[in-house]
């Protein structure tokens, strides 16, 4: 039941913003959402990962590999 809130919220957002949506609004929204995601990673996910991996055997390498995969996917998306 909790998963239904996202499509409902997206529909409501589209109804409210459909008249003003242009490239600038998309840029602002993607920037805000990206900032929220980075904050969640820095504030919640990384400290939890380091708590479960106190000797840092996997966490830092996984973060670097994940960033590499994201960068590669962004480059491939442009073509």
PDB file of N, CA and C in Angstrom:
ATOM      1  N   UNK A   1       0.818  -1.206   0.000  1.00  0.00           N
ATOM      2  CA  UNK A   1       0.000   0.000   0.000  1.00  0.00           C
ATOM      3  C   UNK A   1       0.859   1.267   0.000  1.00  0.00           C
ATOM      4  N   UNK A   2       2.026   1.211   0.647  1.00  0.00           N
ATOM      5  CA  UNK A   2       2.838   2.421   0.702  1.00  0.00           C
ATOM      6  C   UNK A   2       3.417   2.774  -0.665  1.00  0.00           C
ATOM      7  N   UNK A   3       3.572   1.792  -1.549  1.00  0.00           N
ATOM      8  CA  UNK A   3       4.123   2.046  -2.869  1.00  0.00           C
ATOM      9  C   UNK A   3       3.190   2.832  -3.777  1.00  0.00           C
ATOM     10  N   UNK A   4       1.921   2.860  -3.478  1.00  0.00           N
ATOM     11  CA  UNK A   4       0.961   3.569  -4.329  1.00  0.00           C
ATOM     12  C   UNK A   4       1.091   5.092  -4.168  1.00  0.00           C
ATOM     13  N   UNK A   5       1.744   5.541  -3.094  1.00  0.00           N
ATOM     14  CA  UNK A   5       1.858   6.986  -2.869  1.00  0.00           C
ATOM     15  C   UNK A   5       2.721   7.669  -3.929  1.00  0.00           C
ATOM     16  N   UNK A   6       3.711   6.975  -4.465  1.00  0.00           N
ATOM     17  CA  UNK A   6       4.581   7.599  -5.470  1.00  0.00           C
ATOM     18  C   UNK A   6       3.848   7.913  -6.763  1.00  0.00           C
ATOM     19  N   UNK A   7       3.137   6.964  -7.377  1.00  0.00           N
ATOM     20  CA  UNK A   7       2.412   7.338  -8.600  1.00  0.00           C
ATOM     21  C   UNK A   7       1.303   8.364  -8.353  1.00  0.00           C
ATOM     22  N   UNK A   8       0.673   8.294  -7.196  1.00  0.00           N
ATOM     23  CA  UNK A   8      -0.360   9.291  -6.888  1.00  0.00           C
ATOM     24  C   UNK A   8       0.277  10.666  -6.757  1.00  0.00           C
ATOM     25  N   UNK A   9       1.398  10.751  -6.045  1.00  0.00           N
ATOM     26  CA  UNK A   9       2.108  12.025  -5.900  1.00  0.00           C
ATOM     27  C   UNK A   9       2.604  12.544  -7.236  1.00  0.00           C
ATOM     28  N   UNK A  10       3.098  11.642  -8.093  1.00  0.00           N
ATOM     29  CA  UNK A  10       3.557  12.058  -9.416  1.00  0.00           C
ATOM     30  C   UNK A  10       2.395  12.609 -10.239  1.00  0.00           C
ATOM     31  N   UNK A  11       1.260  11.957 -10.158  1.00  0.00           N
ATOM     32  CA  UNK A  11       0.086  12.440 -10.889  1.00  0.00           C
ATOM     33  C   UNK A  11      -0.375  13.801 -10.391  1.00  0.00           C
ATOM     34  N   UNK A  12      -0.386  13.976  -9.079  1.00  0.00           N
ATOM     35  CA  UNK A  12      -0.783  15.266  -8.516  1.00  0.00           C
ATOM     36  C   UNK A  12       0.216  16.355  -8.897  1.00  0.00           C
ATOM     37  N   UNK A  13       1.511  16.028  -8.852  1.00  0.00           N
ATOM     38  CA  UNK A  13       2.527  16.991  -9.259  1.00  0.00           C
ATOM     39  C   UNK A  13       2.386  17.375 -10.720  1.00  0.00           C
ATOM     40  N   UNK A  14       2.091  16.387 -11.561  1.00  0.00           N
ATOM     41  CA  UNK A  14       1.910  16.686 -12.986  1.00  0.00           C
ATOM     42  C   UNK A  14       0.688  17.572 -13.197  1.00  0.00           C
ATOM     43  N   UNK A  15      -0.403  17.285 -12.488  1.00  0.00           N
ATOM     44  CA  UNK A  15      -1.600  18.122 -12.627  1.00  0.00           C
ATOM     45  C   UNK A  15      -1.324  19.567 -12.206  1.00  0.00           C
ATOM     46  N   UNK A  16      -0.555  19.746 -11.156  1.00  0.00           N
ATOM     47  CA  UNK A  16      -0.276  21.091 -10.658  1.00  0.00           C
ATOM     48  C   UNK A  16       0.717  21.820 -11.561  1.00  0.00           C
ATOM     49  N   UNK A  17       1.749  21.113 -12.031  1.00  0.00           N
ATOM     50  CA  UNK A  17       2.834  21.761 -12.765  1.00  0.00           C
ATOM     51  C   UNK A  17       2.765  21.606 -14.283  1.00  0.00           C
ATOM     52  N   UNK A  18       1.746  20.960 -14.806  1.00  0.00           N
ATOM     53  CA  UNK A  18       1.713  20.672 -16.244  1.00  0.00           C
ATOM     54  C   UNK A  18       1.738  21.930 -17.111  1.00  0.00           C
ATOM     55  N   UNK A  19       1.200  23.022 -16.613  1.00  0.00           N
ATOM     56  CA  UNK A  19       1.172  24.253 -17.412  1.00  0.00           C
ATOM     57  C   UNK A  19       2.500  24.995 -17.409  1.00  0.00           C
ATOM     58  N   UNK A  20       3.366  24.727 -16.444  1.00  0.00           N
ATOM     59  CA  UNK A  20       4.614  25.476 -16.334  1.00  0.00           C
ATOM     60  C   UNK A  20       5.844  24.614 -16.603  1.00  0.00           C
ATOM     61  N   UNK A  21       5.666  23.360 -16.969  1.00  0.00           N
ATOM     62  CA  UNK A  21       6.807  22.463 -17.174  1.00  0.00           C
ATOM     63  C   UNK A  21       7.548  22.838 -18.449  1.00  0.00           C
ATOM     64  N   UNK A  22       8.819  23.162 -18.298  1.00  0.00           N
ATOM     65  CA  UNK A  22       9.708  23.378 -19.427  1.00  0.00           C
ATOM     66  C   UNK A  22      11.078  22.848 -19.019  1.00  0.00           C
ATOM     67  N   UNK A  23      12.091  23.076 -19.845  1.00  0.00           N
ATOM     68  CA  UNK A  23      13.422  22.536 -19.559  1.00  0.00           C
ATOM     69  C   UNK A  23      14.005  23.083 -18.263  1.00  0.00           C
ATOM     70  N   UNK A  24      13.746  24.343 -17.960  1.00  0.00           N
ATOM     71  CA  UNK A  24      14.270  24.922 -16.721  1.00  0.00           C
ATOM     72  C   UNK A  24      13.653  24.272 -15.485  1.00  0.00           C
ATOM     73  N   UNK A  25      12.349  24.055 -15.514  1.00  0.00           N
ATOM     74  CA  UNK A  25      11.676  23.421 -14.377  1.00  0.00           C
ATOM     75  C   UNK A  25      12.187  22.000 -14.194  1.00  0.00           C
ATOM     76  N   UNK A  26      12.360  21.268 -15.294  1.00  0.00           N
ATOM     77  CA  UNK A  26      12.933  19.924 -15.190  1.00  0.00           C
ATOM     78  C   UNK A  26      14.326  19.979 -14.573  1.00  0.00           C
ATOM     79  N   UNK A  27      15.127  20.934 -14.981  1.00  0.00           N
ATOM     80  CA  UNK A  27      16.470  21.078 -14.424  1.00  0.00           C
ATOM     81  C   UNK A  27      16.437  21.351 -12.928  1.00  0.00           C
ATOM     82  N   UNK A  28      15.554  22.259 -12.492  1.00  0.00           N
ATOM     83  CA  UNK A  28      15.430  22.561 -11.063  1.00  0.00           C
ATOM     84  C   UNK A  28      14.987  21.329 -10.277  1.00  0.00           C
ATOM     85  N   UNK A  29      13.969  20.636 -10.802  1.00  0.00           N
ATOM     86  CA  UNK A  29      13.455  19.453 -10.100  1.00  0.00           C
ATOM     87  C   UNK A  29      14.500  18.346 -10.030  1.00  0.00           C
ATOM     88  N   UNK A  30      15.197  18.075 -11.142  1.00  0.00           N
ATOM     89  CA  UNK A  30      16.238  17.040 -11.118  1.00  0.00           C
ATOM     90  C   UNK A  30      17.371  17.433 -10.186  1.00  0.00           C
ATOM     91  N   UNK A  31      17.721  18.707 -10.140  1.00  0.00           N
ATOM     92  CA  UNK A  31      18.754  19.176  -9.225  1.00  0.00           C
ATOM     93  C   UNK A  31      18.357  18.975  -7.770  1.00  0.00           C
ATOM     94  N   UNK A  32      17.118  19.304  -7.436  1.00  0.00           N
ATOM     95  CA  UNK A  32      16.655  19.115  -6.061  1.00  0.00           C
ATOM     96  C   UNK A  32      16.609  17.641  -5.678  1.00  0.00           C
ATOM     97  N   UNK A  33      16.080  16.814  -6.555  1.00  0.00           N
ATOM     98  CA  UNK A  33      16.000  15.382  -6.264  1.00  0.00           C
ATOM     99  C   UNK A  33      17.401  14.786  -6.152  1.00  0.00           C
ATOM    100  N   UNK A  34      18.308  15.196  -7.025  1.00  0.00           N
ATOM    101  CA  UNK A  34      19.689  14.714  -6.936  1.00  0.00           C
ATOM    102  C   UNK A  34      20.340  15.127  -5.624  1.00  0.00           C
ATOM    103  N   UNK A  35      20.100  16.343  -5.191  1.00  0.00           N
ATOM    104  CA  UNK A  35      20.629  16.800  -3.906  1.00  0.00           C
ATOM    105  C   UNK A  35      20.077  16.011  -2.739  1.00  0.00           C
ATOM    106  N   UNK A  36      18.789  15.701  -2.791  1.00  0.00           N
ATOM    107  CA  UNK A  36      18.172  14.890  -1.742  1.00  0.00           C
ATOM    108  C   UNK A  36      18.806  13.504  -1.712  1.00  0.00           C
ATOM    109  N   UNK A  37      19.030  12.916  -2.872  1.00  0.00           N
ATOM    110  CA  UNK A  37      19.646  11.584  -2.927  1.00  0.00           C
ATOM    111  C   UNK A  37      21.068  11.601  -2.371  1.00  0.00           C
ATOM    112  N   UNK A  38      21.850  12.615  -2.728  1.00  0.00           N
ATOM    113  CA  UNK A  38      23.214  12.717  -2.208  1.00  0.00           C
ATOM    114  C   UNK A  38      23.185  12.874  -0.691  1.00  0.00           C
ATOM    115  N   UNK A  39      22.274  13.678  -0.169  1.00  0.00           N
ATOM    116  CA  UNK A  39      22.176  13.868   1.269  1.00  0.00           C
ATOM    117  C   UNK A  39      21.839  12.554   1.968  1.00  0.00           C
ATOM    118  N   UNK A  40      20.910  11.784   1.415  1.00  0.00           N
ATOM    119  CA  UNK A  40      20.550  10.500   2.017  1.00  0.00           C
ATOM    120  C   UNK A  40      21.743   9.553   2.025  1.00  0.00           C
ATOM    121  N   UNK A  41      22.496   9.533   0.936  1.00  0.00           N
ATOM    122  CA  UNK A  41      23.669   8.660   0.873  1.00  0.00           C
ATOM    123  C   UNK A  41      24.695   9.067   1.915  1.00  0.00           C
ATOM    124  N   UNK A  42      24.995  10.362   2.003  1.00  0.00           N
ATOM    125  CA  UNK A  42      26.029  10.828   2.930  1.00  0.00           C
ATOM    126  C   UNK A  42      25.581  10.685   4.383  1.00  0.00           C
ATOM    127  N   UNK A  43      24.347  10.993   4.659  1.00  0.00           N
ATOM    128  CA  UNK A  43      23.870  11.035   6.043  1.00  0.00           C
ATOM    129  C   UNK A  43      23.403   9.681   6.566  1.00  0.00           C
ATOM    130  N   UNK A  44      22.899   8.807   5.708  1.00  0.00           N
ATOM    131  CA  UNK A  44      22.303   7.554   6.172  1.00  0.00           C
ATOM    132  C   UNK A  44      23.019   6.306   5.671  1.00  0.00           C
ATOM    133  N   UNK A  45      23.202   6.196   4.360  1.00  0.00           N
ATOM    134  CA  UNK A  45      23.690   4.933   3.801  1.00  0.00           C
ATOM    135  C   UNK A  45      25.155   4.666   4.104  1.00  0.00           C
ATOM    136  N   UNK A  46      26.020   5.655   3.918  1.00  0.00           N
ATOM    137  CA  UNK A  46      27.442   5.421   4.176  1.00  0.00           C
ATOM    138  C   UNK A  46      27.740   5.135   5.649  1.00  0.00           C
ATOM    139  N   UNK A  47      27.192   5.888   6.605  1.00  0.00           N
ATOM    140  CA  UNK A  47      27.446   5.523   8.001  1.00  0.00           C
ATOM    141  C   UNK A  47      26.947   4.119   8.356  1.00  0.00           C
ATOM    142  N   UNK A  48      25.824   3.720   7.805  1.00  0.00           N
ATOM    143  CA  UNK A  48      25.331   2.367   8.058  1.00  0.00           C
ATOM    144  C   UNK A  48      26.250   1.331   7.436  1.00  0.00           C
ATOM    145  N   UNK A  49      26.723   1.591   6.242  1.00  0.00           N
ATOM    146  CA  UNK A  49      27.649   0.656   5.593  1.00  0.00           C
ATOM    147  C   UNK A  49      28.933   0.516   6.396  1.00  0.00           C
ATOM    148  N   UNK A  50      29.471   1.631   6.887  1.00  0.00           N
ATOM    149  CA  UNK A  50      30.700   1.568   7.684  1.00  0.00           C
ATOM    150  C   UNK A  50      30.459   0.899   9.041  1.00  0.00           C
ATOM    151  N   UNK A  51      29.253   0.994   9.565  1.00  0.00           N
ATOM    152  CA  UNK A  51      28.931   0.317  10.820  1.00  0.00           C
ATOM    153  C   UNK A  51      28.973  -1.203  10.639  1.00  0.00           C
ATOM    154  N   UNK A  52      28.499  -1.682   9.487  1.00  0.00           N
ATOM    155  CA  UNK A  52      28.508  -3.119   9.223  1.00  0.00           C
ATOM    156  C   UNK A  52      29.838  -3.603   8.664  1.00  0.00           C
ATOM    157  N   UNK A  53      30.690  -2.698   8.229  1.00  0.00           N
ATOM    158  CA  UNK A  53      32.017  -3.035   7.694  1.00  0.00           C
ATOM    159  C   UNK A  53      33.067  -2.151   8.382  1.00  0.00           C
ATOM    160  N   UNK A  54      33.299  -2.367   9.685  1.00  0.00           N
ATOM    161  CA  UNK A  54      34.171  -1.458  10.433  1.00  0.00           C
ATOM    162  C   UNK A  54      35.626  -1.475   9.967  1.00  0.00           C
ATOM    163  N   UNK A  55      36.082  -2.562   9.357  1.00  0.00           N
ATOM    164  CA  UNK A  55      37.459  -2.620   8.858  1.00  0.00           C
ATOM    165  C   UNK A  55      37.578  -2.106   7.431  1.00  0.00           C
ATOM    166  N   UNK A  56      36.485  -1.669   6.854  1.00  0.00           N
ATOM    167  CA  UNK A  56      36.435  -1.089   5.511  1.00  0.00           C
ATOM    168  C   UNK A  56      37.049  -2.016   4.461  1.00  0.00           C
ATOM    169  N   UNK A  57      36.596  -3.253   4.465  1.00  0.00           N
ATOM    170  CA  UNK A  57      37.079  -4.217   3.475  1.00  0.00           C
ATOM    171  C   UNK A  57      36.342  -4.075   2.139  1.00  0.00           C
ATOM    172  N   UNK A  58      35.105  -3.623   2.189  1.00  0.00           N
ATOM    173  CA  UNK A  58      34.280  -3.620   0.983  1.00  0.00           C
ATOM    174  C   UNK A  58      33.674  -2.254   0.679  1.00  0.00           C
ATOM    175  N   UNK A  59      33.376  -1.473   1.692  1.00  0.00           N
ATOM    176  CA  UNK A  59      32.544  -0.279   1.526  1.00  0.00           C
ATOM    177  C   UNK A  59      33.144   0.746   0.569  1.00  0.00           C
ATOM    178  N   UNK A  60      34.383   1.150   0.789  1.00  0.00           N
ATOM    179  CA  UNK A  60      34.979   2.186  -0.056  1.00  0.00           C
ATOM    180  C   UNK A  60      35.100   1.718  -1.494  1.00  0.00           C
ATOM    181  N   UNK A  61      35.518   0.478  -1.702  1.00  0.00           N
ATOM    182  CA  UNK A  61      35.616  -0.046  -3.066  1.00  0.00           C
ATOM    183  C   UNK A  61      34.249  -0.078  -3.739  1.00  0.00           C
ATOM    184  N   UNK A  62      33.232  -0.453  -2.981  1.00  0.00           N
ATOM    185  CA  UNK A  62      31.878  -0.507  -3.544  1.00  0.00           C
ATOM    186  C   UNK A  62      31.392   0.884  -3.939  1.00  0.00           C
ATOM    187  N   UNK A  63      31.699   1.887  -3.124  1.00  0.00           N
ATOM    188  CA  UNK A  63      31.296   3.258  -3.452  1.00  0.00           C
ATOM    189  C   UNK A  63      31.986   3.715  -4.728  1.00  0.00           C
ATOM    190  N   UNK A  64      33.286   3.443  -4.846  1.00  0.00           N
ATOM    191  CA  UNK A  64      34.029   3.860  -6.036  1.00  0.00           C
ATOM    192  C   UNK A  64      33.515   3.134  -7.279  1.00  0.00           C
ATOM    193  N   UNK A  65      33.277   1.840  -7.169  1.00  0.00           N
ATOM    194  CA  UNK A  65      32.746   1.073  -8.314  1.00  0.00           C
ATOM    195  C   UNK A  65      31.348   1.577  -8.686  1.00  0.00           C
ATOM    196  N   UNK A  66      30.523   1.854  -7.686  1.00  0.00           N
ATOM    197  CA  UNK A  66      29.186   2.392  -7.961  1.00  0.00           C
ATOM    198  C   UNK A  66      29.227   3.728  -8.672  1.00  0.00           C
ATOM    199  N   UNK A  67      30.149   4.610  -8.246  1.00  0.00           N
ATOM    200  CA  UNK A  67      30.288   5.901  -8.928  1.00  0.00           C
ATOM    201  C   UNK A  67      30.773   5.711 -10.362  1.00  0.00           C
ATOM    202  N   UNK A  68      31.664   4.754 -10.561  1.00  0.00           N
ATOM    203  CA  UNK A  68      32.137   4.470 -11.921  1.00  0.00           C
ATOM    204  C   UNK A  68      31.021   3.961 -12.820  1.00  0.00           C
ATOM    205  N   UNK A  69      30.202   3.073 -12.280  1.00  0.00           N
ATOM    206  CA  UNK A  69      29.063   2.552 -13.061  1.00  0.00           C
ATOM    207  C   UNK A  69      28.092   3.670 -13.404  1.00  0.00           C
ATOM    208  N   UNK A  70      27.809   4.551 -12.440  1.00  0.00           N
ATOM    209  CA  UNK A  70      26.904   5.672 -12.716  1.00  0.00           C
ATOM    210  C   UNK A  70      27.485   6.609 -13.770  1.00  0.00           C
ATOM    211  N   UNK A  71      28.785   6.905 -13.676  1.00  0.00           N
ATOM    212  CA  UNK A  71      29.415   7.772 -14.668  1.00  0.00           C
ATOM    213  C   UNK A  71      29.376   7.135 -16.050  1.00  0.00           C
ATOM    214  N   UNK A  72      29.674   5.847 -16.122  1.00  0.00           N
ATOM    215  CA  UNK A  72      29.637   5.142 -17.397  1.00  0.00           C
ATOM    216  C   UNK A  72      28.228   5.131 -17.978  1.00  0.00           C
ATOM    217  N   UNK A  73      27.217   4.912 -17.134  1.00  0.00           N
ATOM    218  CA  UNK A  73      25.846   4.893 -17.649  1.00  0.00           C
ATOM    219  C   UNK A  73      25.431   6.271 -18.157  1.00  0.00           C
ATOM    220  N   UNK A  74      25.894   7.345 -17.492  1.00  0.00           N
ATOM    221  CA  UNK A  74      25.577   8.680 -17.975  1.00  0.00           C
ATOM    222  C   UNK A  74      26.231   8.970 -19.315  1.00  0.00           C
ATOM    223  N   UNK A  75      27.470   8.521 -19.478  1.00  0.00           N
ATOM    224  CA  UNK A  75      28.164   8.712 -20.754  1.00  0.00           C
ATOM    225  C   UNK A  75      27.488   7.910 -21.852  1.00  0.00           C
ATOM    226  N   UNK A  76      27.118   6.674 -21.542  1.00  0.00           N
ATOM    227  CA  UNK A  76      26.459   5.829 -22.551  1.00  0.00           C
ATOM    228  C   UNK A  76      25.075   6.357 -22.893  1.00  0.00           C
ATOM    229  N   UNK A  77      24.401   7.010 -21.950  1.00  0.00           N
ATOM    230  CA  UNK A  77      23.065   7.547 -22.188  1.00  0.00           C
ATOM    231  C   UNK A  77      23.098   8.692 -23.190  1.00  0.00           C
ATOM    232  N   UNK A  78      24.231   9.362 -23.315  1.00  0.00           N
ATOM    233  CA  UNK A  78      24.324  10.505 -24.215  1.00  0.00           C
ATOM    234  C   UNK A  78      24.401  10.083 -25.673  1.00  0.00           C
ATOM    235  N   UNK A  79      24.719   8.835 -25.938  1.00  0.00           N
ATOM    236  CA  UNK A  79      24.873   8.379 -27.329  1.00  0.00           C
ATOM    237  C   UNK A  79      23.658   7.715 -27.845  1.00  0.00           C
TER     238      UNK A  79
END
